Protein backbone atom coordinates (compact mmCIF):
# COMPACT_ATOMS: atom_id res chain seq x y z
CA MET A 1 19.50 -43.60 -23.52
CA MET A 2 17.43 -44.95 -20.62
CA ARG A 3 15.95 -42.23 -18.44
CA CYS A 4 15.42 -43.01 -14.74
CA GLU A 5 12.35 -41.73 -13.01
CA ILE A 6 12.58 -39.39 -10.03
CA SER A 7 10.38 -40.19 -7.04
CA ILE A 8 9.82 -37.60 -4.32
CA ARG A 9 8.49 -38.42 -0.86
CA SER A 10 8.74 -37.53 2.80
CA ALA A 11 12.08 -38.62 4.28
CA LYS A 12 12.04 -41.90 6.18
CA GLU A 13 14.43 -42.99 8.92
CA GLU A 14 16.57 -44.93 6.44
CA ASP A 15 16.97 -41.75 4.35
CA PHE A 16 18.73 -39.81 7.09
CA PRO A 17 22.29 -41.19 6.63
CA PRO A 18 22.40 -40.54 2.84
CA LEU A 19 20.49 -37.26 3.34
CA CYS A 20 23.11 -36.04 5.82
CA GLU A 21 25.89 -37.19 3.48
CA LEU A 22 24.37 -35.26 0.54
CA TYR A 23 23.95 -32.18 2.71
CA CYS A 24 27.55 -32.23 3.98
CA LYS A 25 28.94 -32.76 0.48
CA SER A 26 26.76 -30.00 -0.98
CA VAL A 27 27.71 -27.46 1.68
CA ARG A 28 31.42 -28.21 1.29
CA CYS A 29 31.22 -27.78 -2.51
CA ASN A 30 29.85 -24.24 -2.27
CA ARG A 31 32.18 -22.17 -0.11
CA GLU A 32 30.59 -18.84 -1.09
CA GLY A 33 27.04 -20.09 -0.69
CA PHE A 34 26.93 -21.62 2.77
CA VAL A 35 28.47 -21.40 6.21
CA GLN A 36 31.04 -24.21 6.05
CA ASP A 37 30.93 -25.08 9.78
CA LEU A 38 28.35 -27.89 9.77
CA ASN A 39 27.86 -27.53 13.54
CA TYR A 40 26.45 -24.07 12.81
CA HIS A 41 23.53 -25.61 10.92
CA GLY A 42 22.43 -28.07 13.60
CA CYS A 43 21.21 -31.63 13.31
CA LEU A 44 19.04 -32.21 10.23
CA ILE A 45 17.30 -35.17 11.84
CA ALA A 46 16.24 -33.18 14.92
CA LYS A 47 15.22 -30.23 12.74
CA THR A 48 13.11 -32.48 10.50
CA ARG A 49 11.28 -33.92 13.50
CA SER A 50 10.62 -30.42 14.86
CA TRP A 51 9.38 -29.15 11.48
CA ARG A 52 6.99 -32.10 11.17
CA GLU A 53 5.45 -31.32 14.56
CA ARG A 54 4.51 -27.88 13.18
CA GLY A 55 3.26 -28.89 9.73
CA GLY A 56 6.54 -28.85 7.82
CA ASP A 57 8.57 -31.71 6.42
CA MET A 58 11.78 -32.88 4.77
CA LEU A 59 11.32 -34.33 1.30
CA VAL A 60 13.80 -36.50 -0.57
CA ALA A 61 14.13 -37.40 -4.24
CA HIS A 62 15.32 -40.81 -5.35
CA GLU A 63 16.53 -41.97 -8.73
CA ALA A 64 17.14 -45.69 -9.30
CA GLY A 65 17.14 -46.25 -5.52
CA THR A 66 19.68 -43.50 -4.79
CA LEU A 67 18.89 -40.37 -2.80
CA VAL A 68 19.70 -37.53 -5.20
CA ALA A 69 18.05 -34.44 -3.68
CA MET A 70 16.47 -33.01 -0.58
CA GLY A 71 14.39 -30.00 0.39
CA ALA A 72 12.45 -28.91 3.46
CA LEU A 73 9.65 -26.74 4.75
CA ALA A 74 10.41 -25.15 8.12
CA PRO A 75 7.36 -23.49 9.68
CA CYS A 76 8.14 -20.08 11.15
CA GLU A 77 5.77 -17.28 12.04
CA ARG A 78 2.03 -17.77 11.76
CA GLY A 79 0.95 -18.81 8.27
CA LYS A 80 4.49 -18.69 6.89
CA VAL A 81 6.91 -21.46 6.08
CA GLU A 82 10.53 -21.34 4.97
CA LEU A 83 11.68 -23.39 2.00
CA CYS A 84 15.15 -24.51 3.02
CA LYS A 85 17.83 -27.19 2.75
CA LEU A 86 17.33 -27.57 -1.00
CA HIS A 87 20.28 -29.58 -2.29
CA VAL A 88 20.71 -31.66 -5.44
CA ASP A 89 23.58 -34.09 -5.93
CA LEU A 90 26.27 -32.27 -7.90
CA LEU A 91 26.34 -34.90 -10.66
CA ARG A 92 22.58 -34.56 -11.20
CA GLN A 93 22.25 -30.78 -11.24
CA GLY A 94 20.85 -29.10 -14.34
CA ARG A 95 18.29 -31.85 -15.03
CA GLY A 96 15.24 -30.24 -13.39
CA ILE A 97 15.37 -32.17 -10.12
CA GLY A 98 15.64 -28.97 -8.07
CA ARG A 99 12.58 -27.57 -9.86
CA LEU A 100 10.62 -30.76 -9.11
CA MET A 101 11.56 -30.49 -5.45
CA VAL A 102 10.58 -26.80 -5.25
CA GLU A 103 7.25 -27.43 -6.98
CA ARG A 104 6.46 -30.34 -4.65
CA LEU A 105 7.40 -28.27 -1.59
CA ILE A 106 5.10 -25.44 -2.73
CA VAL A 107 2.22 -27.91 -3.17
CA LEU A 108 2.92 -29.34 0.29
CA ALA A 109 2.91 -25.83 1.78
CA GLN A 110 -0.49 -25.21 0.18
CA GLU A 111 -1.84 -28.54 1.44
CA GLN A 112 -0.65 -27.71 4.96
CA GLY A 113 -2.49 -24.38 4.83
CA PHE A 114 0.43 -21.98 4.77
CA ASP A 115 -0.22 -18.53 3.25
CA GLU A 116 3.34 -17.73 2.24
CA VAL A 117 6.59 -19.51 1.45
CA MET A 118 9.76 -17.63 2.25
CA LEU A 119 13.39 -18.41 1.59
CA HIS A 120 16.82 -16.90 1.62
CA VAL A 121 19.61 -17.66 -0.80
CA THR A 122 23.08 -16.23 -1.26
CA THR A 123 23.34 -14.14 -4.38
CA THR A 124 26.33 -16.25 -5.45
CA GLN A 125 23.92 -19.13 -6.14
CA ILE A 126 22.83 -17.76 -9.49
CA ALA A 127 21.09 -20.93 -10.73
CA ALA A 128 19.09 -21.20 -7.50
CA VAL A 129 17.95 -17.56 -7.67
CA LYS A 130 16.90 -18.10 -11.30
CA LEU A 131 14.96 -21.24 -10.34
CA TYR A 132 13.12 -19.51 -7.50
CA ARG A 133 12.18 -16.57 -9.72
CA SER A 134 10.95 -18.92 -12.45
CA VAL A 135 8.41 -20.55 -10.10
CA GLY A 136 7.09 -17.20 -8.87
CA PHE A 137 9.22 -16.16 -5.90
CA GLN A 138 9.81 -12.43 -5.67
CA ALA A 139 12.64 -10.56 -4.02
CA ALA A 140 11.63 -9.16 -0.63
CA SER A 141 14.95 -7.75 0.61
CA GLU A 142 18.71 -8.09 0.45
CA GLU A 143 21.24 -8.12 3.25
CA LEU A 144 24.87 -8.83 3.90
CA PHE A 145 24.64 -11.70 6.41
CA GLU A 146 27.62 -11.54 8.75
CA THR A 147 28.68 -14.30 11.08
CA LYS A 148 31.76 -16.17 12.26
CA VAL A 149 32.85 -19.40 10.63
CA PHE A 150 35.50 -21.32 12.52
CA ASP A 151 36.06 -18.16 14.61
CA LYS A 152 36.76 -16.02 11.53
CA PRO A 153 34.44 -13.29 10.18
CA ALA A 154 32.39 -14.34 7.14
CA ARG A 155 29.97 -12.42 4.93
CA PHE A 156 27.30 -13.77 2.65
CA PRO A 157 25.30 -11.46 0.32
CA THR A 158 21.80 -12.81 0.86
CA LEU A 159 18.55 -12.39 -1.04
CA HIS A 160 15.29 -12.92 0.83
CA MET A 161 12.41 -14.06 -1.39
CA ARG A 162 8.76 -14.93 -0.91
CA LEU A 163 5.84 -16.52 -2.68
CA SER A 164 2.27 -15.78 -1.66
CA LEU A 165 -0.03 -18.82 -1.69
CA ARG A 166 -3.20 -16.88 -0.89
CA GLY A 167 -5.82 -16.88 -3.59
CA SER A 168 -3.99 -19.22 -5.94
CA ALA A 169 -5.35 -22.63 -6.76
CA SER A 170 -1.89 -23.80 -7.72
CA ALA A 171 1.35 -21.88 -7.33
CA ALA A 172 3.49 -24.64 -8.76
C-alpha cells in the first residue's frame, strides 16, 4: 500500500474555498459537537486575517494535493492563544493527522512567544478530548454552554483545557 505524505503549512488564499468546505461539512457531521448555524461562527477568512495580525494563524494539511485538515491559533488575552477550528476530513480521521496538526500548532504558539494554549471542546467529542490530553492539555473547567441555534435553545457540555508553554523547550 502506498502511503501519501501529509504536508502542513499556513493557509494560502487558494486554500480558503476547500478550507471553508471542509469546515462546513465537519460542523454538519457533528450535531452534538458544534453549533450548526454556520452564521454563528463568522467568516473563517476574516477571522484568519485578524488572527494573523495578532500572531496567530490558520494552518492546513494537504495529502496528495487535497486539503484534508485545518487548525488555527486565535490570540486572546495577553500571552494566551486559543487552539481552535481543528477539523480533519471524515474519511481521513483516525490516521494521526489531527495529532500532527495539534503538535504543529503548539510549536507555532511557542515560536510566536505565547505562554499558554487554551481550547474548549464539547465533551461529546471523545476522540478530540483524548487527543488533547495525550499531548499534555489539562482540564481547567467544565460548563454547560447555552445558546440559541436557529432560534431554538441549545446546550453543549464543554470542557475548557489548557497547556502551559512556559519553561518547556518543546511541548509537542
